[in-house]
C-alpha atoms as a PDB file:
ATOM      1  CA  MET A   1     -19.550 -17.621  12.074  1.00  0.00           C
ATOM      2  CA  ASP A   2     -22.081 -17.437  14.904  1.00  0.00           C
ATOM      3  CA  PRO A   3     -20.784 -19.647  17.760  1.00  0.00           C
ATOM      4  CA  VAL A   4     -24.295 -20.651  18.826  1.00  0.00           C
ATOM      5  CA  ILE A   5     -25.239 -22.212  15.493  1.00  0.00           C
ATOM      6  CA  LEU A   6     -26.376 -25.700  16.344  1.00  0.00           C
ATOM      7  CA  ILE A   7     -23.947 -28.432  15.372  1.00  0.00           C
ATOM      8  CA  PHE A   8     -26.054 -31.354  16.386  1.00  0.00           C
ATOM      9  CA  GLY A   9     -24.096 -33.783  14.249  1.00  0.00           C
ATOM     10  CA  GLY A  10     -25.888 -37.038  13.722  1.00  0.00           C
ATOM     11  CA  VAL A  11     -28.674 -36.502  16.190  1.00  0.00           C
ATOM     12  CA  ALA A  12     -31.622 -38.901  16.484  1.00  0.00           C
ATOM     13  CA  ALA A  13     -35.261 -39.317  17.397  1.00  0.00           C
ATOM     14  CA  PHE A  14     -38.656 -40.970  17.237  1.00  0.00           C
ATOM     15  CA  ILE A  15     -41.672 -42.888  16.092  1.00  0.00           C
ATOM     16  CA  ILE A  16     -42.515 -45.294  18.782  1.00  0.00           C
ATOM     17  CA  TYR A  17     -45.986 -46.604  19.279  1.00  0.00           C
ATOM     18  CA  ARG A  18     -46.193 -45.519  22.911  1.00  0.00           C
ATOM     19  CA  LEU A  19     -44.189 -42.320  22.473  1.00  0.00           C
ATOM     20  CA  PHE A  20     -46.495 -40.533  20.026  1.00  0.00           C
ATOM     21  CA  SER A  21     -47.854 -38.499  22.942  1.00  0.00           C
ATOM     22  CA  VAL A  22     -44.330 -37.605  24.087  1.00  0.00           C
ATOM     23  CA  LEU A  23     -42.580 -36.884  20.798  1.00  0.00           C
ATOM     24  CA  GLY A  24     -45.416 -35.459  18.750  1.00  0.00           C
ATOM     25  CA  SER A  25     -49.132 -35.335  18.203  1.00  0.00           C
ATOM     26  CA  ARG A  26     -51.251 -35.607  15.091  1.00  0.00           C
ATOM     27  CA  THR A  27     -53.380 -32.576  14.408  1.00  0.00           C
ATOM     28  CA  GLY A  28     -56.270 -34.023  12.425  1.00  0.00           C
ATOM     29  CA  HIS A  29     -54.934 -32.540   9.194  1.00  0.00           C
ATOM     30  CA  GLU A  30     -53.716 -35.842   7.806  1.00  0.00           C
ATOM     31  CA  GLN A  31     -53.831 -36.055   4.030  1.00  0.00           C
ATOM     32  CA  ARG A  32     -52.878 -38.306   1.153  1.00  0.00           C
ATOM     33  CA  HIS A  33     -50.366 -36.719  -1.167  1.00  0.00           C
ATOM     34  CA  ASP A  34     -47.721 -37.410  -3.775  1.00  0.00           C
ATOM     35  CA  LEU A  35     -44.844 -37.822  -1.302  1.00  0.00           C
ATOM     36  CA  ASP A  36     -42.059 -37.624  -3.860  1.00  0.00           C
ATOM     37  CA  ALA A  37     -43.421 -34.359  -5.260  1.00  0.00           C
ATOM     38  CA  LEU A  38     -43.699 -32.837  -1.789  1.00  0.00           C
ATOM     39  CA  GLN A  39     -40.169 -33.803  -0.884  1.00  0.00           C
ATOM     40  CA  LYS A  40     -38.811 -32.386  -4.150  1.00  0.00           C
ATOM     41  CA  THR A  41     -40.653 -29.125  -3.449  1.00  0.00           C
ATOM     42  CA  ALA A  42     -39.239 -28.917   0.079  1.00  0.00           C
ATOM     43  CA  GLN A  43     -35.732 -29.670  -1.177  1.00  0.00           C
ATOM     44  CA  GLY A  44     -36.054 -27.046  -3.896  1.00  0.00           C
ATOM     45  CA  ALA A  45     -37.044 -24.421  -1.353  1.00  0.00           C
ATOM     46  CA  GLN A  46     -33.978 -25.224   0.735  1.00  0.00           C
ATOM     47  CA  ASN A  47     -31.687 -25.005  -2.293  1.00  0.00           C
ATOM     48  CA  GLN A  48     -33.091 -21.596  -3.190  1.00  0.00           C
ATOM     49  CA  GLU A  49     -32.464 -20.055   0.213  1.00  0.00           C
ATOM     50  CA  PRO A  50     -29.903 -17.242  -0.128  1.00  0.00           C
ATOM     51  CA  VAL A  51     -26.532 -17.726   1.507  1.00  0.00           C
ATOM     52  CA  ALA A  52     -26.018 -15.168   4.240  1.00  0.00           C
ATOM     53  CA  GLU A  53     -22.991 -12.935   3.815  1.00  0.00           C
ATOM     54  CA  VAL A  54     -20.586 -12.627   6.729  1.00  0.00           C
ATOM     55  CA  ASP A  55     -20.193  -9.038   7.903  1.00  0.00           C
ATOM     56  CA  ALA A  56     -16.678  -7.758   8.281  1.00  0.00           C
ATOM     57  CA  GLU A  57     -17.810  -6.320  11.617  1.00  0.00           C
ATOM     58  CA  PRO A  58     -20.336  -8.646  13.306  1.00  0.00           C
ATOM     59  CA  ARG A  59     -23.428  -6.877  14.570  1.00  0.00           C
ATOM     60  CA  ARG A  60     -25.986  -7.973  17.124  1.00  0.00           C
ATOM     61  CA  ALA A  61     -28.810  -9.540  15.149  1.00  0.00           C
ATOM     62  CA  PRO A  62     -32.394  -8.633  16.113  1.00  0.00           C
ATOM     63  CA  VAL A  63     -34.282 -11.324  18.006  1.00  0.00           C
ATOM     64  CA  SER A  64     -37.877 -12.017  18.980  1.00  0.00           C
ATOM     65  CA  PRO A  65     -39.041 -11.231  22.531  1.00  0.00           C
ATOM     66  CA  ALA A  66     -39.062 -14.978  23.272  1.00  0.00           C
ATOM     67  CA  ALA A  67     -35.359 -15.222  22.456  1.00  0.00           C
ATOM     68  CA  ALA A  68     -34.276 -11.983  24.166  1.00  0.00           C
ATOM     69  CA  PRO A  69     -32.774 -13.693  27.258  1.00  0.00           C
ATOM     70  CA  LEU A  70     -30.445 -15.704  25.006  1.00  0.00           C
ATOM     71  CA  SER A  71     -29.265 -12.602  23.178  1.00  0.00           C
ATOM     72  CA  GLU A  72     -28.647 -10.809  26.467  1.00  0.00           C
ATOM     73  CA  ALA A  73     -26.559 -13.721  27.747  1.00  0.00           C
ATOM     74  CA  ASP A  74     -24.645 -14.096  24.484  1.00  0.00           C
ATOM     75  CA  PRO A  75     -24.391 -10.948  22.291  1.00  0.00           C
ATOM     76  CA  SER A  76     -23.379 -13.108  19.307  1.00  0.00           C
ATOM     77  CA  PHE A  77     -26.606 -15.117  19.442  1.00  0.00           C
ATOM     78  CA  ASN A  78     -28.365 -15.191  16.065  1.00  0.00           C
ATOM     79  CA  GLU A  79     -31.948 -16.430  16.235  1.00  0.00           C
ATOM     80  CA  LYS A  80     -32.265 -17.149  12.518  1.00  0.00           C
ATOM     81  CA  ALA A  81     -29.103 -19.255  12.478  1.00  0.00           C
ATOM     82  CA  PHE A  82     -30.096 -20.975  15.710  1.00  0.00           C
ATOM     83  CA  LEU A  83     -33.469 -22.030  14.287  1.00  0.00           C
ATOM     84  CA  ALA A  84     -31.880 -23.218  11.049  1.00  0.00           C
ATOM     85  CA  GLY A  85     -29.664 -25.521  13.086  1.00  0.00           C
ATOM     86  CA  ALA A  86     -32.577 -26.597  15.269  1.00  0.00           C
ATOM     87  CA  ARG A  87     -34.625 -27.603  12.211  1.00  0.00           C
ATOM     88  CA  SER A  88     -31.768 -29.758  10.921  1.00  0.00           C
ATOM     89  CA  ALA A  89     -31.263 -31.324  14.344  1.00  0.00           C
ATOM     90  CA  TYR A  90     -34.983 -32.044  14.728  1.00  0.00           C
ATOM     91  CA  GLU A  91     -35.137 -33.957  11.455  1.00  0.00           C
ATOM     92  CA  MET A  92     -31.970 -35.932  12.193  1.00  0.00           C
ATOM     93  CA  ILE A  93     -33.147 -36.835  15.692  1.00  0.00           C
ATOM     94  CA  ILE A  94     -36.491 -38.125  14.445  1.00  0.00           C
ATOM     95  CA  GLU A  95     -34.975 -40.153  11.624  1.00  0.00           C
ATOM     96  CA  ALA A  96     -32.278 -41.679  13.817  1.00  0.00           C
ATOM     97  CA  PHE A  97     -34.732 -42.642  16.539  1.00  0.00           C
ATOM     98  CA  ALA A  98     -36.957 -44.325  13.986  1.00  0.00           C
ATOM     99  CA  ALA A  99     -33.899 -46.274  12.826  1.00  0.00           C
ATOM    100  CA  GLY A 100     -33.159 -47.322  16.423  1.00  0.00           C
ATOM    101  CA  ASP A 101     -29.800 -45.508  16.540  1.00  0.00           C
ATOM    102  CA  LEU A 102     -28.947 -43.828  19.833  1.00  0.00           C
ATOM    103  CA  LYS A 103     -25.217 -44.500  19.892  1.00  0.00           C
ATOM    104  CA  SER A 104     -24.348 -41.795  17.382  1.00  0.00           C
ATOM    105  CA  ILE A 105     -26.273 -39.134  19.271  1.00  0.00           C
ATOM    106  CA  ARG A 106     -25.658 -40.016  22.917  1.00  0.00           C
ATOM    107  CA  ARG A 107     -23.570 -36.902  23.579  1.00  0.00           C
ATOM    108  CA  PHE A 108     -26.343 -34.643  22.281  1.00  0.00           C
ATOM    109  CA  LEU A 109     -29.076 -35.960  24.597  1.00  0.00           C
ATOM    110  CA  GLY A 110     -29.709 -35.056  28.194  1.00  0.00           C
ATOM    111  CA  GLN A 111     -29.783 -38.046  30.543  1.00  0.00           C
ATOM    112  CA  SER A 112     -33.567 -38.100  30.998  1.00  0.00           C
ATOM    113  CA  VAL A 113     -34.199 -37.885  27.243  1.00  0.00           C
ATOM    114  CA  TYR A 114     -31.650 -40.597  26.530  1.00  0.00           C
ATOM    115  CA  ASP A 115     -33.216 -42.884  29.153  1.00  0.00           C
ATOM    116  CA  ALA A 116     -36.712 -42.323  27.701  1.00  0.00           C
ATOM    117  CA  PHE A 117     -35.544 -43.020  24.144  1.00  0.00           C
ATOM    118  CA  LYS A 118     -33.648 -46.121  25.248  1.00  0.00           C
ATOM    119  CA  ALA A 119     -36.657 -47.492  27.135  1.00  0.00           C
ATOM    120  CA  ALA A 120     -38.935 -46.807  24.163  1.00  0.00           C
ATOM    121  CA  LEU A 121     -36.631 -48.654  21.768  1.00  0.00           C
ATOM    122  CA  ALA A 122     -36.373 -51.592  24.175  1.00  0.00           C
ATOM    123  CA  ASP A 123     -40.170 -51.694  24.408  1.00  0.00           C
ATOM    124  CA  ARG A 124     -40.476 -51.625  20.635  1.00  0.00           C
ATOM    125  CA  GLU A 125     -38.020 -54.490  20.263  1.00  0.00           C
ATOM    126  CA  ALA A 126     -39.688 -56.544  23.008  1.00  0.00           C
ATOM    127  CA  ASN A 127     -43.021 -56.258  21.210  1.00  0.00           C
ATOM    128  CA  GLY A 128     -41.490 -57.192  17.889  1.00  0.00           C
ATOM    129  CA  TYR A 129     -42.406 -53.866  16.318  1.00  0.00           C
ATOM    130  CA  SER A 130     -40.482 -52.084  13.605  1.00  0.00           C
ATOM    131  CA  SER A 131     -40.942 -48.467  12.592  1.00  0.00           C
ATOM    132  CA  GLU A 132     -40.861 -46.740   9.240  1.00  0.00           C
ATOM    133  CA  LEU A 133     -40.523 -43.006   8.813  1.00  0.00           C
ATOM    134  CA  LYS A 134     -40.514 -40.720   5.810  1.00  0.00           C
ATOM    135  CA  PHE A 135     -39.795 -37.131   6.737  1.00  0.00           C
ATOM    136  CA  VAL A 136     -41.527 -34.835   4.235  1.00  0.00           C
ATOM    137  CA  GLY A 137     -40.522 -31.460   5.671  1.00  0.00           C
ATOM    138  CA  ILE A 138     -40.843 -28.879   8.436  1.00  0.00           C
ATOM    139  CA  ASP A 139     -43.656 -26.343   8.183  1.00  0.00           C
ATOM    140  CA  SER A 140     -42.428 -24.133  11.012  1.00  0.00           C
ATOM    141  CA  ALA A 141     -40.019 -23.836  13.922  1.00  0.00           C
ATOM    142  CA  SER A 142     -40.055 -21.039  16.467  1.00  0.00           C
ATOM    143  CA  ILE A 143     -38.722 -20.211  19.918  1.00  0.00           C
ATOM    144  CA  VAL A 144     -41.671 -19.950  22.296  1.00  0.00           C
ATOM    145  CA  SER A 145     -39.670 -19.168  25.426  1.00  0.00           C
ATOM    146  CA  SER A 146     -36.127 -19.001  26.724  1.00  0.00           C
ATOM    147  CA  GLU A 147     -34.264 -18.277  29.918  1.00  0.00           C
ATOM    148  CA  VAL A 148     -30.810 -18.137  31.430  1.00  0.00           C
ATOM    149  CA  ARG A 149     -30.486 -19.566  34.916  1.00  0.00           C
ATOM    150  CA  ASP A 150     -27.298 -20.369  36.819  1.00  0.00           C
ATOM    151  CA  GLY A 151     -25.285 -19.822  33.658  1.00  0.00           C
ATOM    152  CA  VAL A 152     -27.346 -22.259  31.579  1.00  0.00           C
ATOM    153  CA  MET A 153     -29.195 -21.047  28.469  1.00  0.00           C
ATOM    154  CA  THR A 154     -32.476 -22.841  27.717  1.00  0.00           C
ATOM    155  CA  ALA A 155     -34.647 -22.546  24.602  1.00  0.00           C
ATOM    156  CA  VAL A 156     -38.098 -24.089  24.102  1.00  0.00           C
ATOM    157  CA  ILE A 157     -38.943 -24.622  20.434  1.00  0.00           C
ATOM    158  CA  ASP A 158     -42.221 -25.555  18.749  1.00  0.00           C
ATOM    159  CA  PHE A 159     -41.939 -27.599  15.545  1.00  0.00           C
ATOM    160  CA  ALA A 160     -44.659 -28.439  13.028  1.00  0.00           C
ATOM    161  CA  SER A 161     -43.654 -31.046  10.463  1.00  0.00           C
ATOM    162  CA  ASN A 162     -45.088 -33.428   7.881  1.00  0.00           C
ATOM    163  CA  GLN A 163     -44.228 -37.083   8.373  1.00  0.00           C
ATOM    164  CA  VAL A 164     -45.327 -40.501   7.175  1.00  0.00           C
ATOM    165  CA  ARG A 165     -45.175 -42.773  10.235  1.00  0.00           C
ATOM    166  CA  VAL A 166     -45.858 -46.494  10.276  1.00  0.00           C
ATOM    167  CA  MET A 167     -45.445 -49.192  12.914  1.00  0.00           C
ATOM    168  CA  ARG A 168     -45.462 -52.856  11.881  1.00  0.00           C
ATOM    169  CA  ASP A 169     -45.564 -56.101  13.849  1.00  0.00           C
ATOM    170  CA  ARG A 170     -43.397 -59.164  13.335  1.00  0.00           C
ATOM    171  CA  ALA A 171     -45.596 -60.296  10.469  1.00  0.00           C
ATOM    172  CA  GLY A 172     -45.188 -56.964   8.719  1.00  0.00           C
ATOM    173  CA  GLU A 173     -48.770 -55.919   9.361  1.00  0.00           C
ATOM    174  CA  VAL A 174     -49.439 -52.248  10.097  1.00  0.00           C
ATOM    175  CA  VAL A 175     -50.394 -51.712  13.742  1.00  0.00           C
ATOM    176  CA  ASP A 176     -50.263 -47.919  13.659  1.00  0.00           C
ATOM    177  CA  GLY A 177     -50.012 -45.223  11.012  1.00  0.00           C
ATOM    178  CA  ASP A 178     -50.623 -45.390   7.281  1.00  0.00           C
ATOM    179  CA  PRO A 179     -47.886 -45.601   4.609  1.00  0.00           C
ATOM    180  CA  ALA A 180     -50.057 -43.501   2.277  1.00  0.00           C
ATOM    181  CA  ARG A 181     -50.907 -40.760   4.792  1.00  0.00           C
ATOM    182  CA  ILE A 182     -48.959 -37.661   5.751  1.00  0.00           C
ATOM    183  CA  ASP A 183     -49.369 -36.662   9.404  1.00  0.00           C
ATOM    184  CA  LEU A 184     -48.966 -33.069  10.526  1.00  0.00           C
ATOM    185  CA  VAL A 185     -46.987 -33.508  13.748  1.00  0.00           C
ATOM    186  CA  LYS A 186     -46.455 -30.828  16.386  1.00  0.00           C
ATOM    187  CA  ASP A 187     -43.618 -31.116  18.902  1.00  0.00           C
ATOM    188  CA  ARG A 188     -42.231 -28.945  21.681  1.00  0.00           C
ATOM    189  CA  TRP A 189     -38.587 -29.625  22.425  1.00  0.00           C
ATOM    190  CA  THR A 190     -36.259 -27.998  24.935  1.00  0.00           C
ATOM    191  CA  PHE A 191     -32.549 -27.480  24.323  1.00  0.00           C
ATOM    192  CA  SER A 192     -29.918 -26.174  26.719  1.00  0.00           C
ATOM    193  CA  ARG A 193     -26.306 -25.018  26.659  1.00  0.00           C
ATOM    194  CA  LYS A 194     -23.919 -23.436  29.148  1.00  0.00           C
ATOM    195  CA  ALA A 195     -23.502 -19.774  28.303  1.00  0.00           C
ATOM    196  CA  SER A 196     -19.790 -19.852  29.058  1.00  0.00           C
ATOM    197  CA  SER A 197     -19.071 -23.096  27.206  1.00  0.00           C
ATOM    198  CA  GLY A 198     -16.810 -23.124  24.174  1.00  0.00           C
ATOM    199  CA  ASP A 199     -18.827 -26.070  22.849  1.00  0.00           C
ATOM    200  CA  PRO A 200     -21.487 -24.699  20.470  1.00  0.00           C
ATOM    201  CA  ASN A 201     -23.661 -27.811  20.753  1.00  0.00           C
ATOM    202  CA  TRP A 202     -27.077 -27.523  22.383  1.00  0.00           C
ATOM    203  CA  ILE A 203     -28.336 -30.541  24.326  1.00  0.00           C
ATOM    204  CA  LEU A 204     -31.865 -31.899  23.986  1.00  0.00           C
ATOM    205  CA  VAL A 205     -33.188 -32.001  27.561  1.00  0.00           C
ATOM    206  CA  ALA A 206     -36.953 -32.439  27.125  1.00  0.00           C
ATOM    207  CA  THR A 207     -39.473 -33.517  24.500  1.00  0.00           C
ATOM    208  CA  GLY A 208     -43.234 -33.311  24.307  1.00  0.00           C
ATOM    209  CA  ALA A 209     -46.211 -32.568  22.107  1.00  0.00           C
ATOM    210  CA  ALA A 210     -46.931 -28.929  21.304  1.00  0.00           C
ATOM    211  CA  GLY A 211     -50.379 -27.581  22.017  1.00  0.00           C
END
């Protein structure tokens, strides 16, 4: 099994009124859809993905130019497996943040990201806001750049996903978002990991909106 497959465990992340510009941006392609049908379609596609066979003799998997530094630092790096783990982590982070749960994911967040998430949740609570999130699915995830510096591997990933995001006030009135609208959200997240570490987990060290 590839040692760099992301095991982000119960990671968490977003939907805060003032953090939309930090954790994702709408693209203007918002639509109204049958959410249940879309989610069933996305789930069906995941279930139909073939299970990769494990080679008796592991070979170096081909990588994109953007991921080449990671492969050079770790010959066992597998870009396809890495991105599969990153997609799972991205969804879990977003859903957990929306639920206000940072405790379960503290070890997977860099200090600056943890502090920003914590402040955002405190701000949401102080304003009496509550968030609702329905994650429809991820359209794409790709490594846009990577580097290895001072023994630390860093990967910058662009995500495009479909989400239903709503913020309500104490009275339950919608102050942002639309429960009947799917937003196409684009994020750029940065993960890092020590090349020599036996821990396969990558740490989320920066978040932002993709261009």
